[in-house]
């Protein structure tokens, strides 16, 4: 019988690293198929809550302090 595993993920939908992490998690869970049954709960997270609603001009924005929002 597979063990139930709750995974809570705080993710920003625009973050490329969050996407990479999602894909790696999917790969790991596929490798554990039959051993664990994962229940994934997605939690919202804003990497840059100070971003104006209209966005910014340019290809890149400066990184936030400590890599987080704020």
Protein backbone atom coordinates (compact mmCIF):
# COMPACT_ATOMS: atom_id res chain seq x y z
CA UNK A 1 0.00 0.00 0.00
CA UNK A 2 1.33 3.41 -0.99
CA UNK A 3 2.09 5.95 1.73
CA UNK A 4 0.18 9.22 1.48
CA UNK A 5 2.37 12.29 1.21
CA UNK A 6 1.11 15.88 1.48
CA UNK A 7 3.28 18.34 -0.42
CA UNK A 8 2.60 22.06 -0.06
CA UNK A 9 4.23 24.20 -2.73
CA UNK A 10 4.43 28.00 -2.58
CA UNK A 11 4.99 29.10 -6.16
CA UNK A 12 4.84 32.16 -8.38
CA UNK A 13 3.35 31.32 -11.79
CA UNK A 14 5.83 33.56 -13.61
CA UNK A 15 8.94 32.12 -11.91
CA UNK A 16 11.04 29.91 -14.21
CA UNK A 17 12.74 28.25 -11.21
CA UNK A 18 9.34 27.30 -9.80
CA UNK A 19 8.55 25.59 -13.09
CA UNK A 20 11.85 23.71 -13.03
CA UNK A 21 11.10 22.59 -9.46
CA UNK A 22 7.63 21.44 -10.52
CA UNK A 23 9.07 19.33 -13.33
CA UNK A 24 11.69 17.79 -11.01
CA UNK A 25 9.01 16.96 -8.46
CA UNK A 26 6.93 15.27 -11.16
CA UNK A 27 9.96 13.22 -12.19
CA UNK A 28 10.71 12.21 -8.58
CA UNK A 29 7.10 11.21 -7.95
CA UNK A 30 7.08 9.16 -11.16
CA UNK A 31 10.17 7.31 -9.90
CA UNK A 32 8.32 6.55 -6.65
CA UNK A 33 5.12 5.40 -8.34
CA UNK A 34 3.42 2.79 -6.21
CA UNK A 35 5.46 3.70 -3.11
CA UNK A 36 3.89 7.08 -2.38
CA UNK A 37 0.63 8.75 -3.25
CA UNK A 38 1.24 12.49 -3.33
CA UNK A 39 -1.41 15.08 -2.64
CA UNK A 40 -0.09 18.42 -3.85
CA UNK A 41 -1.48 21.70 -2.55
CA UNK A 42 -0.43 24.78 -4.49
CA UNK A 43 -0.06 27.97 -2.48
CA UNK A 44 0.26 31.41 -4.10
CA UNK A 45 3.47 33.38 -3.67
CA UNK A 46 4.46 36.71 -5.20
CA UNK A 47 8.18 36.98 -5.87
CA UNK A 48 7.90 40.73 -6.37
CA UNK A 49 4.80 42.15 -4.71
CA UNK A 50 6.01 45.68 -5.54
CA UNK A 51 5.70 45.07 -9.29
CA UNK A 52 3.32 47.62 -10.81
CA UNK A 53 0.16 46.18 -12.34
CA UNK A 54 1.19 47.49 -15.77
CA UNK A 55 4.54 45.68 -15.55
CA UNK A 56 7.96 47.17 -16.26
CA UNK A 57 9.79 48.14 -19.43
CA UNK A 58 12.81 46.03 -20.30
CA UNK A 59 13.77 42.40 -20.48
CA UNK A 60 14.93 42.14 -16.85
CA UNK A 61 14.11 43.64 -13.51
CA UNK A 62 16.66 43.90 -10.72
CA UNK A 63 16.57 41.00 -8.25
CA UNK A 64 14.72 41.57 -5.01
CA UNK A 65 16.75 41.57 -1.78
CA UNK A 66 17.50 38.03 -0.59
CA UNK A 67 15.82 36.69 -3.72
CA UNK A 68 12.40 37.28 -2.20
CA UNK A 69 9.65 39.80 -2.61
CA UNK A 70 10.23 43.14 -1.04
